[in-house]
C-alpha cells in the first residue's frame, strides 16, 4: 500500500468491529469490507437494516451504492459461503492454501535430500 499504510486493513477491521459491536453475531456479520445483515424472518429485516444504517449515519460511514446488494439468498457469494451460521471461507479456496503448504513441505524434503 502507498504512503506507509501497511496495516490499514487491520485498522479498518478493528474500527468496523467496534462500531458494529452490538449487532455483530446477532443480526450482522462483518468481514473486512463486506457487511451482511442476516435475517431469520422477513418481518425483522427492515428494523435490522435500519439499525445498521443508523450506525453508519452516526459515525459518518458512507456506502458505495453500486456495490450494495439486497435480497441475497444463502449460498456462495463473492467467494464466501453465507449461511445461517454466518460468513465462512469457501472450502475450495481453502484447499488451494492447504495444497501450497503440502507443496512447500515437499520442497523442504527435496532440499534435505540434495544436501545429503
PDB file of N, CA and C in Angstrom:
ATOM      1  N   UNK A   1       0.829  -1.181   0.000  1.00  0.00           N
ATOM      2  CA  UNK A   1       0.000   0.000   0.000  1.00  0.00           C
ATOM      3  C   UNK A   1       0.879   1.252   0.000  1.00  0.00           C
ATOM      4  N   UNK A   2       0.438   2.282  -0.663  1.00  0.00           N
ATOM      5  CA  UNK A   2       1.235   3.504  -0.711  1.00  0.00           C
ATOM      6  C   UNK A   2       1.206   4.276   0.615  1.00  0.00           C
ATOM      7  N   UNK A   3       2.155   5.162   0.766  1.00  0.00           N
ATOM      8  CA  UNK A   3       2.211   6.089   1.896  1.00  0.00           C
ATOM      9  C   UNK A   3       2.349   5.395   3.245  1.00  0.00           C
ATOM     10  N   UNK A   4       2.892   4.196   3.274  1.00  0.00           N
ATOM     11  CA  UNK A   4       3.142   3.508   4.525  1.00  0.00           C
ATOM     12  C   UNK A   4       1.908   3.012   5.249  1.00  0.00           C
ATOM     13  N   UNK A   5       0.807   2.822   4.548  1.00  0.00           N
ATOM     14  CA  UNK A   5      -0.429   2.340   5.178  1.00  0.00           C
ATOM     15  C   UNK A   5      -0.445   0.813   5.181  1.00  0.00           C
ATOM     16  N   UNK A   6       0.520   0.221   5.847  1.00  0.00           N
ATOM     17  CA  UNK A   6       0.674  -1.226   5.805  1.00  0.00           C
ATOM     18  C   UNK A   6      -0.387  -1.960   6.632  1.00  0.00           C
ATOM     19  N   UNK A   7      -0.907  -1.350   7.661  1.00  0.00           N
ATOM     20  CA  UNK A   7      -1.899  -2.026   8.499  1.00  0.00           C
ATOM     21  C   UNK A   7      -3.283  -1.393   8.361  1.00  0.00           C
ATOM     22  N   UNK A   8      -3.561  -0.777   7.232  1.00  0.00           N
ATOM     23  CA  UNK A   8      -4.844  -0.089   7.041  1.00  0.00           C
ATOM     24  C   UNK A   8      -6.011  -1.071   7.110  1.00  0.00           C
ATOM     25  N   UNK A   9      -5.852  -2.249   6.519  1.00  0.00           N
ATOM     26  CA  UNK A   9      -6.953  -3.228   6.545  1.00  0.00           C
ATOM     27  C   UNK A   9      -7.253  -3.670   7.970  1.00  0.00           C
ATOM     28  N   UNK A  10      -6.221  -3.937   8.743  1.00  0.00           N
ATOM     29  CA  UNK A  10      -6.419  -4.360  10.130  1.00  0.00           C
ATOM     30  C   UNK A  10      -7.053  -3.243  10.955  1.00  0.00           C
ATOM     31  N   UNK A  11      -6.607  -2.017  10.728  1.00  0.00           N
ATOM     32  CA  UNK A  11      -7.179  -0.882  11.457  1.00  0.00           C
ATOM     33  C   UNK A  11      -8.645  -0.700  11.083  1.00  0.00           C
ATOM     34  N   UNK A  12      -8.950  -0.841   9.805  1.00  0.00           N
ATOM     35  CA  UNK A  12     -10.344  -0.720   9.363  1.00  0.00           C
ATOM     36  C   UNK A  12     -11.194  -1.831   9.972  1.00  0.00           C
ATOM     37  N   UNK A  13     -10.668  -3.062  10.007  1.00  0.00           N
ATOM     38  CA  UNK A  13     -11.421  -4.180  10.587  1.00  0.00           C
ATOM     39  C   UNK A  13     -11.708  -3.916  12.063  1.00  0.00           C
ATOM     40  N   UNK A  14     -10.727  -3.398  12.812  1.00  0.00           N
ATOM     41  CA  UNK A  14     -10.953  -3.074  14.227  1.00  0.00           C
ATOM     42  C   UNK A  14     -12.013  -1.992  14.379  1.00  0.00           C
ATOM     43  N   UNK A  15     -11.958  -0.982  13.513  1.00  0.00           N
ATOM     44  CA  UNK A  15     -12.949   0.097  13.546  1.00  0.00           C
ATOM     45  C   UNK A  15     -14.350  -0.455  13.318  1.00  0.00           C
ATOM     46  N   UNK A  16     -14.503  -1.254  12.278  1.00  0.00           N
ATOM     47  CA  UNK A  16     -15.824  -1.788  11.942  1.00  0.00           C
ATOM     48  C   UNK A  16     -16.324  -2.722  13.042  1.00  0.00           C
ATOM     49  N   UNK A  17     -15.439  -3.527  13.614  1.00  0.00           N
ATOM     50  CA  UNK A  17     -15.840  -4.410  14.717  1.00  0.00           C
ATOM     51  C   UNK A  17     -16.314  -3.608  15.920  1.00  0.00           C
ATOM     52  N   UNK A  18     -15.636  -2.509  16.210  1.00  0.00           N
ATOM     53  CA  UNK A  18     -16.018  -1.668  17.351  1.00  0.00           C
ATOM     54  C   UNK A  18     -17.340  -0.949  17.100  1.00  0.00           C
ATOM     55  N   UNK A  19     -17.494  -0.395  15.886  1.00  0.00           N
ATOM     56  CA  UNK A  19     -18.691   0.373  15.551  1.00  0.00           C
ATOM     57  C   UNK A  19     -19.933  -0.518  15.556  1.00  0.00           C
ATOM     58  N   UNK A  20     -19.827  -1.711  14.978  1.00  0.00           N
ATOM     59  CA  UNK A  20     -20.988  -2.595  14.848  1.00  0.00           C
ATOM     60  C   UNK A  20     -21.051  -3.662  15.939  1.00  0.00           C
ATOM     61  N   UNK A  21     -20.304  -3.480  17.019  1.00  0.00           N
ATOM     62  CA  UNK A  21     -20.239  -4.471  18.094  1.00  0.00           C
ATOM     63  C   UNK A  21     -21.618  -4.931  18.595  1.00  0.00           C
ATOM     64  N   UNK A  22     -22.601  -4.026  18.774  1.00  0.00           N
ATOM     65  CA  UNK A  22     -23.903  -4.504  19.278  1.00  0.00           C
ATOM     66  C   UNK A  22     -24.649  -5.405  18.299  1.00  0.00           C
ATOM     67  N   UNK A  23     -24.325  -5.321  17.010  1.00  0.00           N
ATOM     68  CA  UNK A  23     -25.066  -6.095  16.004  1.00  0.00           C
ATOM     69  C   UNK A  23     -24.333  -7.348  15.533  1.00  0.00           C
ATOM     70  N   UNK A  24     -23.002  -7.354  15.659  1.00  0.00           N
ATOM     71  CA  UNK A  24     -22.224  -8.491  15.148  1.00  0.00           C
ATOM     72  C   UNK A  24     -22.608  -9.757  15.893  1.00  0.00           C
ATOM     73  N   UNK A  25     -22.793 -10.817  15.128  1.00  0.00           N
ATOM     74  CA  UNK A  25     -23.189 -12.160  15.549  1.00  0.00           C
ATOM     75  C   UNK A  25     -24.664 -12.267  15.920  1.00  0.00           C
ATOM     76  N   UNK A  26     -25.367 -11.153  16.036  1.00  0.00           N
ATOM     77  CA  UNK A  26     -26.803 -11.214  16.296  1.00  0.00           C
ATOM     78  C   UNK A  26     -27.566 -11.038  14.982  1.00  0.00           C
ATOM     79  N   UNK A  27     -27.391  -9.889  14.362  1.00  0.00           N
ATOM     80  CA  UNK A  27     -28.104  -9.622  13.112  1.00  0.00           C
ATOM     81  C   UNK A  27     -27.158  -9.247  11.981  1.00  0.00           C
ATOM     82  N   UNK A  28     -25.856  -9.225  12.267  1.00  0.00           N
ATOM     83  CA  UNK A  28     -24.919  -8.729  11.264  1.00  0.00           C
ATOM     84  C   UNK A  28     -23.590  -9.463  11.355  1.00  0.00           C
ATOM     85  N   UNK A  29     -22.946  -9.634  10.202  1.00  0.00           N
ATOM     86  CA  UNK A  29     -21.592 -10.174  10.134  1.00  0.00           C
ATOM     87  C   UNK A  29     -20.752  -9.190   9.336  1.00  0.00           C
ATOM     88  N   UNK A  30     -19.514  -9.010   9.735  1.00  0.00           N
ATOM     89  CA  UNK A  30     -18.610  -8.083   9.051  1.00  0.00           C
ATOM     90  C   UNK A  30     -17.318  -8.827   8.766  1.00  0.00           C
ATOM     91  N   UNK A  31     -16.900  -8.806   7.509  1.00  0.00           N
ATOM     92  CA  UNK A  31     -15.654  -9.440   7.105  1.00  0.00           C
ATOM     93  C   UNK A  31     -14.909  -8.457   6.211  1.00  0.00           C
ATOM     94  N   UNK A  32     -13.899  -7.820   6.728  1.00  0.00           N
ATOM     95  CA  UNK A  32     -13.125  -6.759   6.089  1.00  0.00           C
ATOM     96  C   UNK A  32     -14.087  -5.693   5.564  1.00  0.00           C
ATOM     97  N   UNK A  33     -14.339  -5.640   4.264  1.00  0.00           N
ATOM     98  CA  UNK A  33     -15.230  -4.593   3.756  1.00  0.00           C
ATOM     99  C   UNK A  33     -16.577  -5.145   3.307  1.00  0.00           C
ATOM    100  N   UNK A  34     -16.899  -6.376   3.689  1.00  0.00           N
ATOM    101  CA  UNK A  34     -18.212  -6.958   3.401  1.00  0.00           C
ATOM    102  C   UNK A  34     -19.048  -6.934   4.676  1.00  0.00           C
ATOM    103  N   UNK A  35     -20.224  -6.326   4.598  1.00  0.00           N
ATOM    104  CA  UNK A  35     -21.147  -6.271   5.732  1.00  0.00           C
ATOM    105  C   UNK A  35     -22.422  -6.981   5.326  1.00  0.00           C
ATOM    106  N   UNK A  36     -22.846  -7.919   6.136  1.00  0.00           N
ATOM    107  CA  UNK A  36     -24.041  -8.691   5.826  1.00  0.00           C
ATOM    108  C   UNK A  36     -25.018  -8.566   6.982  1.00  0.00           C
ATOM    109  N   UNK A  37     -26.236  -8.123   6.678  1.00  0.00           N
ATOM    110  CA  UNK A  37     -27.312  -8.095   7.661  1.00  0.00           C
ATOM    111  C   UNK A  37     -28.127  -9.349   7.415  1.00  0.00           C
ATOM    112  N   UNK A  38     -28.079 -10.266   8.373  1.00  0.00           N
ATOM    113  CA  UNK A  38     -28.738 -11.558   8.192  1.00  0.00           C
ATOM    114  C   UNK A  38     -30.081 -11.561   8.905  1.00  0.00           C
ATOM    115  N   UNK A  39     -30.991 -12.352   8.391  1.00  0.00           N
ATOM    116  CA  UNK A  39     -32.330 -12.419   8.971  1.00  0.00           C
ATOM    117  C   UNK A  39     -32.784 -13.864   9.079  1.00  0.00           C
ATOM    118  N   UNK A  40     -33.639 -14.108  10.025  1.00  0.00           N
ATOM    119  CA  UNK A  40     -34.308 -15.405  10.140  1.00  0.00           C
ATOM    120  C   UNK A  40     -35.752 -15.275   9.659  1.00  0.00           C
ATOM    121  N   UNK A  41     -36.328 -14.092   9.842  1.00  0.00           N
ATOM    122  CA  UNK A  41     -37.709 -13.841   9.425  1.00  0.00           C
ATOM    123  C   UNK A  41     -37.749 -12.547   8.625  1.00  0.00           C
ATOM    124  N   UNK A  42     -38.477 -12.544   7.541  1.00  0.00           N
ATOM    125  CA  UNK A  42     -38.553 -11.366   6.673  1.00  0.00           C
ATOM    126  C   UNK A  42     -39.055 -10.123   7.410  1.00  0.00           C
ATOM    127  N   UNK A  43     -39.918 -10.310   8.383  1.00  0.00           N
ATOM    128  CA  UNK A  43     -40.505  -9.167   9.095  1.00  0.00           C
ATOM    129  C   UNK A  43     -39.458  -8.391   9.896  1.00  0.00           C
ATOM    130  N   UNK A  44     -38.365  -9.058  10.315  1.00  0.00           N
ATOM    131  CA  UNK A  44     -37.344  -8.390  11.125  1.00  0.00           C
ATOM    132  C   UNK A  44     -36.278  -7.707  10.278  1.00  0.00           C
ATOM    133  N   UNK A  45     -36.297  -7.900   8.973  1.00  0.00           N
ATOM    134  CA  UNK A  45     -35.197  -7.411   8.142  1.00  0.00           C
ATOM    135  C   UNK A  45     -35.123  -5.883   8.092  1.00  0.00           C
ATOM    136  N   UNK A  46     -36.254  -5.233   7.914  1.00  0.00           N
ATOM    137  CA  UNK A  46     -36.249  -3.759   7.855  1.00  0.00           C
ATOM    138  C   UNK A  46     -35.742  -3.121   9.135  1.00  0.00           C
ATOM    139  N   UNK A  47     -36.238  -3.539  10.308  1.00  0.00           N
ATOM    140  CA  UNK A  47     -35.703  -2.938  11.542  1.00  0.00           C
ATOM    141  C   UNK A  47     -34.195  -3.180  11.714  1.00  0.00           C
ATOM    142  N   UNK A  48     -33.722  -4.371  11.324  1.00  0.00           N
ATOM    143  CA  UNK A  48     -32.289  -4.667  11.428  1.00  0.00           C
ATOM    144  C   UNK A  48     -31.478  -3.804  10.468  1.00  0.00           C
ATOM    145  N   UNK A  49     -31.986  -3.612   9.254  1.00  0.00           N
ATOM    146  CA  UNK A  49     -31.314  -2.726   8.299  1.00  0.00           C
ATOM    147  C   UNK A  49     -31.283  -1.291   8.812  1.00  0.00           C
ATOM    148  N   UNK A  50     -32.390  -0.862   9.430  1.00  0.00           N
ATOM    149  CA  UNK A  50     -32.447   0.500   9.977  1.00  0.00           C
ATOM    150  C   UNK A  50     -31.396   0.704  11.069  1.00  0.00           C
ATOM    151  N   UNK A  51     -31.211  -0.312  11.928  1.00  0.00           N
ATOM    152  CA  UNK A  51     -30.199  -0.216  12.982  1.00  0.00           C
ATOM    153  C   UNK A  51     -28.813  -0.060  12.371  1.00  0.00           C
ATOM    154  N   UNK A  52     -28.528  -0.859  11.357  1.00  0.00           N
ATOM    155  CA  UNK A  52     -27.226  -0.792  10.702  1.00  0.00           C
ATOM    156  C   UNK A  52     -27.027   0.561  10.031  1.00  0.00           C
ATOM    157  N   UNK A  53     -28.041   1.041   9.319  1.00  0.00           N
ATOM    158  CA  UNK A  53     -27.936   2.325   8.632  1.00  0.00           C
ATOM    159  C   UNK A  53     -27.819   3.486   9.617  1.00  0.00           C
ATOM    160  N   UNK A  54     -28.476   3.366  10.768  1.00  0.00           N
ATOM    161  CA  UNK A  54     -28.367   4.402  11.793  1.00  0.00           C
ATOM    162  C   UNK A  54     -26.939   4.482  12.329  1.00  0.00           C
ATOM    163  N   UNK A  55     -26.309   3.329  12.534  1.00  0.00           N
ATOM    164  CA  UNK A  55     -24.914   3.319  12.992  1.00  0.00           C
ATOM    165  C   UNK A  55     -24.012   3.930  11.933  1.00  0.00           C
ATOM    166  N   UNK A  56     -24.240   3.581  10.671  1.00  0.00           N
ATOM    167  CA  UNK A  56     -23.455   4.166   9.585  1.00  0.00           C
ATOM    168  C   UNK A  56     -23.575   5.692   9.593  1.00  0.00           C
ATOM    169  N   UNK A  57     -24.803   6.166   9.746  1.00  0.00           N
ATOM    170  CA  UNK A  57     -25.049   7.612   9.747  1.00  0.00           C
ATOM    171  C   UNK A  57     -24.393   8.276  10.962  1.00  0.00           C
ATOM    172  N   UNK A  58     -24.487   7.637  12.119  1.00  0.00           N
ATOM    173  CA  UNK A  58     -23.915   8.194  13.346  1.00  0.00           C
ATOM    174  C   UNK A  58     -22.411   8.412  13.211  1.00  0.00           C
ATOM    175  N   UNK A  59     -21.715   7.443  12.615  1.00  0.00           N
ATOM    176  CA  UNK A  59     -20.260   7.516  12.503  1.00  0.00           C
ATOM    177  C   UNK A  59     -19.796   8.112  11.173  1.00  0.00           C
ATOM    178  N   UNK A  60     -20.721   8.518  10.330  1.00  0.00           N
ATOM    179  CA  UNK A  60     -20.365   9.158   9.072  1.00  0.00           C
ATOM    180  C   UNK A  60     -19.736   8.225   8.056  1.00  0.00           C
ATOM    181  N   UNK A  61     -20.060   6.931   8.152  1.00  0.00           N
ATOM    182  CA  UNK A  61     -19.532   5.948   7.194  1.00  0.00           C
ATOM    183  C   UNK A  61     -20.449   5.928   5.981  1.00  0.00           C
ATOM    184  N   UNK A  62     -19.854   6.042   4.816  1.00  0.00           N
ATOM    185  CA  UNK A  62     -20.639   6.081   3.579  1.00  0.00           C
ATOM    186  C   UNK A  62     -20.511   4.761   2.834  1.00  0.00           C
ATOM    187  N   UNK A  63     -21.576   4.373   2.157  1.00  0.00           N
ATOM    188  CA  UNK A  63     -21.587   3.152   1.349  1.00  0.00           C
ATOM    189  C   UNK A  63     -21.545   3.513  -0.125  1.00  0.00           C
ATOM    190  N   UNK A  64     -20.917   2.661  -0.910  1.00  0.00           N
ATOM    191  CA  UNK A  64     -20.943   2.798  -2.358  1.00  0.00           C
ATOM    192  C   UNK A  64     -22.172   2.027  -2.846  1.00  0.00           C
ATOM    193  N   UNK A  65     -23.217   2.729  -3.224  1.00  0.00           N
ATOM    194  CA  UNK A  65     -24.473   2.075  -3.600  1.00  0.00           C
ATOM    195  C   UNK A  65     -24.321   1.156  -4.801  1.00  0.00           C
ATOM    196  N   UNK A  66     -23.317   1.390  -5.645  1.00  0.00           N
ATOM    197  CA  UNK A  66     -23.088   0.494  -6.782  1.00  0.00           C
ATOM    198  C   UNK A  66     -22.598  -0.879  -6.336  1.00  0.00           C
ATOM    199  N   UNK A  67     -22.067  -0.959  -5.110  1.00  0.00           N
ATOM    200  CA  UNK A  67     -21.555  -2.232  -4.595  1.00  0.00           C
ATOM    201  C   UNK A  67     -22.490  -2.875  -3.572  1.00  0.00           C
ATOM    202  N   UNK A  68     -23.625  -2.245  -3.284  1.00  0.00           N
ATOM    203  CA  UNK A  68     -24.570  -2.783  -2.312  1.00  0.00           C
ATOM    204  C   UNK A  68     -25.542  -3.749  -3.001  1.00  0.00           C
ATOM    205  N   UNK A  69     -25.791  -4.870  -2.351  1.00  0.00           N
ATOM    206  CA  UNK A  69     -26.758  -5.842  -2.857  1.00  0.00           C
ATOM    207  C   UNK A  69     -27.762  -6.129  -1.754  1.00  0.00           C
ATOM    208  N   UNK A  70     -29.004  -6.260  -2.144  1.00  0.00           N
ATOM    209  CA  UNK A  70     -30.061  -6.570  -1.190  1.00  0.00           C
ATOM    210  C   UNK A  70     -30.784  -7.831  -1.650  1.00  0.00           C
ATOM    211  N   UNK A  71     -31.266  -8.604  -0.713  1.00  0.00           N
ATOM    212  CA  UNK A  71     -32.047  -9.791  -1.041  1.00  0.00           C
ATOM    213  C   UNK A  71     -31.214 -10.973  -1.498  1.00  0.00           C
ATOM    214  N   UNK A  72     -29.966 -11.072  -1.063  1.00  0.00           N
ATOM    215  CA  UNK A  72     -29.107 -12.191  -1.443  1.00  0.00           C
ATOM    216  C   UNK A  72     -29.475 -13.393  -0.588  1.00  0.00           C
ATOM    217  N   UNK A  73     -29.662 -14.509  -1.225  1.00  0.00           N
ATOM    218  CA  UNK A  73     -30.023 -15.750  -0.524  1.00  0.00           C
ATOM    219  C   UNK A  73     -28.766 -16.475  -0.044  1.00  0.00           C
ATOM    220  N   UNK A  74     -28.898 -17.374   0.952  1.00  0.00           N
ATOM    221  CA  UNK A  74     -27.734 -18.141   1.425  1.00  0.00           C
ATOM    222  C   UNK A  74     -27.090 -18.923   0.288  1.00  0.00           C
ATOM    223  N   UNK A  75     -25.768 -19.057   0.356  1.00  0.00           N
ATOM    224  CA  UNK A  75     -25.020 -19.801  -0.652  1.00  0.00           C
ATOM    225  C   UNK A  75     -23.672 -19.158  -0.887  1.00  0.00           C
ATOM    226  N   UNK A  76     -23.096 -19.430  -2.040  1.00  0.00           N
ATOM    227  CA  UNK A  76     -21.794 -18.891  -2.409  1.00  0.00           C
ATOM    228  C   UNK A  76     -21.970 -17.462  -2.905  1.00  0.00           C
ATOM    229  N   UNK A  77     -21.306 -16.529  -2.253  1.00  0.00           N
ATOM    230  CA  UNK A  77     -21.436 -15.107  -2.593  1.00  0.00           C
ATOM    231  C   UNK A  77     -20.077 -14.447  -2.477  1.00  0.00           C
ATOM    232  N   UNK A  78     -19.569 -13.938  -3.580  1.00  0.00           N
ATOM    233  CA  UNK A  78     -18.290 -13.238  -3.632  1.00  0.00           C
ATOM    234  C   UNK A  78     -17.152 -14.069  -3.045  1.00  0.00           C
ATOM    235  N   UNK A  79     -17.141 -15.363  -3.317  1.00  0.00           N
ATOM    236  CA  UNK A  79     -16.063 -16.233  -2.861  1.00  0.00           C
ATOM    237  C   UNK A  79     -16.187 -16.686  -1.417  1.00  0.00           C
ATOM    238  N   UNK A  80     -17.275 -16.336  -0.745  1.00  0.00           N
ATOM    239  CA  UNK A  80     -17.509 -16.750   0.635  1.00  0.00           C
ATOM    240  C   UNK A  80     -18.786 -17.576   0.693  1.00  0.00           C
ATOM    241  N   UNK A  81     -18.899 -18.412   1.699  1.00  0.00           N
ATOM    242  CA  UNK A  81     -20.117 -19.191   1.923  1.00  0.00           C
ATOM    243  C   UNK A  81     -20.940 -18.462   2.976  1.00  0.00           C
ATOM    244  N   UNK A  82     -22.147 -18.074   2.594  1.00  0.00           N
ATOM    245  CA  UNK A  82     -23.041 -17.373   3.511  1.00  0.00           C
ATOM    246  C   UNK A  82     -24.147 -18.341   3.911  1.00  0.00           C
ATOM    247  N   UNK A  83     -24.328 -18.489   5.209  1.00  0.00           N
ATOM    248  CA  UNK A  83     -25.361 -19.395   5.709  1.00  0.00           C
ATOM    249  C   UNK A  83     -25.930 -18.817   6.997  1.00  0.00           C
ATOM    250  N   UNK A  84     -26.821 -19.565   7.619  1.00  0.00           N
ATOM    251  CA  UNK A  84     -27.413 -19.093   8.874  1.00  0.00           C
ATOM    252  C   UNK A  84     -26.370 -19.036   9.994  1.00  0.00           C
ATOM    253  N   UNK A  85     -25.224 -19.727   9.818  1.00  0.00           N
ATOM    254  CA  UNK A  85     -24.157 -19.684  10.810  1.00  0.00           C
ATOM    255  C   UNK A  85     -23.251 -18.467  10.619  1.00  0.00           C
ATOM    256  N   UNK A  86     -23.405 -17.740   9.522  1.00  0.00           N
ATOM    257  CA  UNK A  86     -22.588 -16.553   9.276  1.00  0.00           C
ATOM    258  C   UNK A  86     -21.760 -16.698   8.013  1.00  0.00           C
ATOM    259  N   UNK A  87     -20.650 -15.975   7.960  1.00  0.00           N
ATOM    260  CA  UNK A  87     -19.759 -15.978   6.809  1.00  0.00           C
ATOM    261  C   UNK A  87     -18.645 -16.980   7.063  1.00  0.00           C
ATOM    262  N   UNK A  88     -18.407 -17.838   6.085  1.00  0.00           N
ATOM    263  CA  UNK A  88     -17.350 -18.836   6.211  1.00  0.00           C
ATOM    264  C   UNK A  88     -16.503 -18.835   4.954  1.00  0.00           C
ATOM    265  N   UNK A  89     -15.272 -19.300   5.088  1.00  0.00           N
ATOM    266  CA  UNK A  89     -14.384 -19.393   3.933  1.00  0.00           C
ATOM    267  C   UNK A  89     -14.889 -20.486   2.994  1.00  0.00           C
ATOM    268  N   UNK A  90     -14.697 -20.274   1.713  1.00  0.00           N
ATOM    269  CA  UNK A  90     -15.065 -21.258   0.706  1.00  0.00           C
ATOM    270  C   UNK A  90     -14.063 -22.405   0.785  1.00  0.00           C
ATOM    271  N   UNK A  91     -14.522 -23.658   1.030  1.00  0.00           N
ATOM    272  CA  UNK A  91     -13.595 -24.795   1.160  1.00  0.00           C
ATOM    273  C   UNK A  91     -12.739 -25.012  -0.087  1.00  0.00           C
ATOM    274  N   UNK A  92     -13.272 -24.699  -1.265  1.00  0.00           N
ATOM    275  CA  UNK A  92     -12.489 -24.863  -2.493  1.00  0.00           C
ATOM    276  C   UNK A  92     -11.283 -23.927  -2.494  1.00  0.00           C
ATOM    277  N   UNK A  93     -11.474 -22.707  -2.019  1.00  0.00           N
ATOM    278  CA  UNK A  93     -10.370 -21.744  -1.974  1.00  0.00           C
ATOM    279  C   UNK A  93      -9.399 -22.086  -0.855  1.00  0.00           C
ATOM    280  N   UNK A  94      -9.895 -22.629   0.255  1.00  0.00           N
ATOM    281  CA  UNK A  94      -9.018 -23.025   1.351  1.00  0.00           C
ATOM    282  C   UNK A  94      -8.145 -24.206   0.924  1.00  0.00           C
ATOM    283  N   UNK A  95      -8.662 -25.056   0.058  1.00  0.00           N
ATOM    284  CA  UNK A  95      -7.909 -26.213  -0.435  1.00  0.00           C
ATOM    285  C   UNK A  95      -6.639 -25.760  -1.153  1.00  0.00           C
ATOM    286  N   UNK A  96      -6.715 -24.673  -1.890  1.00  0.00           N
ATOM    287  CA  UNK A  96      -5.543 -24.151  -2.594  1.00  0.00           C
ATOM    288  C   UNK A  96      -4.441 -23.792  -1.603  1.00  0.00           C
ATOM    289  N   UNK A  97      -4.809 -23.160  -0.496  1.00  0.00           N
ATOM    290  CA  UNK A  97      -3.819 -22.782   0.521  1.00  0.00           C
ATOM    291  C   UNK A  97      -3.208 -24.028   1.144  1.00  0.00           C
ATOM    292  N   UNK A  98      -4.034 -25.032   1.440  1.00  0.00           N
ATOM    293  CA  UNK A  98      -3.518 -26.274   2.019  1.00  0.00           C
ATOM    294  C   UNK A  98      -2.588 -26.989   1.047  1.00  0.00           C
ATOM    295  N   UNK A  99      -2.911 -26.982  -0.232  1.00  0.00           N
ATOM    296  CA  UNK A  99      -2.054 -27.613  -1.234  1.00  0.00           C
ATOM    297  C   UNK A  99      -0.705 -26.911  -1.323  1.00  0.00           C
ATOM    298  N   UNK A 100      -0.682 -25.586  -1.195  1.00  0.00           N
ATOM    299  CA  UNK A 100       0.575 -24.841  -1.213  1.00  0.00           C
ATOM    300  C   UNK A 100       1.428 -25.262  -0.020  1.00  0.00           C
ATOM    301  N   UNK A 101       0.795 -25.449   1.126  1.00  0.00           N
ATOM    302  CA  UNK A 101       1.516 -25.874   2.322  1.00  0.00           C
ATOM    303  C   UNK A 101       2.135 -27.252   2.098  1.00  0.00           C
ATOM    304  N   UNK A 102       1.392 -28.186   1.492  1.00  0.00           N
ATOM    305  CA  UNK A 102       1.924 -29.524   1.205  1.00  0.00           C
ATOM    306  C   UNK A 102       3.078 -29.436   0.212  1.00  0.00           C
ATOM    307  N   UNK A 103       2.951 -28.597  -0.783  1.00  0.00           N
ATOM    308  CA  UNK A 103       3.993 -28.440  -1.779  1.00  0.00           C
ATOM    309  C   UNK A 103       5.270 -27.895  -1.117  1.00  0.00           C
ATOM    310  N   UNK A 104       5.119 -26.955  -0.212  1.00  0.00           N
ATOM    311  CA  UNK A 104       6.265 -26.377   0.481  1.00  0.00           C
ATOM    312  C   UNK A 104       6.991 -27.441   1.297  1.00  0.00           C
ATOM    313  N   UNK A 105       6.228 -28.305   1.984  1.00  0.00           N
ATOM    314  CA  UNK A 105       6.849 -29.386   2.752  1.00  0.00           C
ATOM    315  C   UNK A 105       7.632 -30.312   1.826  1.00  0.00           C
ATOM    316  N   UNK A 106       7.074 -30.598   0.650  1.00  0.00           N
ATOM    317  CA  UNK A 106       7.771 -31.441  -0.329  1.00  0.00           C
ATOM    318  C   UNK A 106       9.062 -30.805  -0.795  1.00  0.00           C
ATOM    319  N   UNK A 107       9.062 -29.489  -0.971  1.00  0.00           N
ATOM    320  CA  UNK A 107      10.278 -28.787  -1.375  1.00  0.00           C
ATOM    321  C   UNK A 107      11.342 -28.848  -0.283  1.00  0.00           C
ATOM    322  N   UNK A 108      10.929 -28.752   0.971  1.00  0.00           N
ATOM    323  CA  UNK A 108      11.893 -28.853   2.077  1.00  0.00           C
ATOM    324  C   UNK A 108      12.540 -30.229   2.094  1.00  0.00           C
ATOM    325  N   UNK A 109      11.733 -31.284   1.893  1.00  0.00           N
ATOM    326  CA  UNK A 109      12.279 -32.639   1.868  1.00  0.00           C
ATOM    327  C   UNK A 109      13.265 -32.782   0.710  1.00  0.00           C
ATOM    328  N   UNK A 110      12.930 -32.242  -0.442  1.00  0.00           N
ATOM    329  CA  UNK A 110      13.820 -32.296  -1.596  1.00  0.00           C
ATOM    330  C   UNK A 110      15.119 -31.562  -1.289  1.00  0.00           C
ATOM    331  N   UNK A 111      15.053 -30.440  -0.612  1.00  0.00           N
ATOM    332  CA  UNK A 111      16.229 -29.662  -0.253  1.00  0.00           C
ATOM    333  C   UNK A 111      17.129 -30.484   0.666  1.00  0.00           C
ATOM    334  N   UNK A 112      16.554 -31.198   1.628  1.00  0.00           N
ATOM    335  CA  UNK A 112      17.337 -32.017   2.562  1.00  0.00           C
ATOM    336  C   UNK A 112      18.010 -33.144   1.786  1.00  0.00           C
ATOM    337  N   UNK A 113      17.294 -33.803   0.872  1.00  0.00           N
ATOM    338  CA  UNK A 113      17.881 -34.911   0.127  1.00  0.00           C
ATOM    339  C   UNK A 113      19.034 -34.432  -0.751  1.00  0.00           C
ATOM    340  N   UNK A 114      18.941 -33.255  -1.314  1.00  0.00           N
ATOM    341  CA  UNK A 114      20.003 -32.742  -2.170  1.00  0.00           C
ATOM    342  C   UNK A 114      21.249 -32.442  -1.327  1.00  0.00           C
ATOM    343  N   UNK A 115      21.058 -31.948  -0.122  1.00  0.00           N
ATOM    344  CA  UNK A 115      22.213 -31.622   0.732  1.00  0.00           C
ATOM    345  C   UNK A 115      22.987 -32.866   1.105  1.00  0.00           C
ATOM    346  N   UNK A 116      22.296 -34.011   1.264  1.00  0.00           N
ATOM    347  CA  UNK A 116      22.993 -35.225   1.687  1.00  0.00           C
ATOM    348  C   UNK A 116      23.786 -35.730   0.530  1.00  0.00           C
TER     349      UNK A 116
END
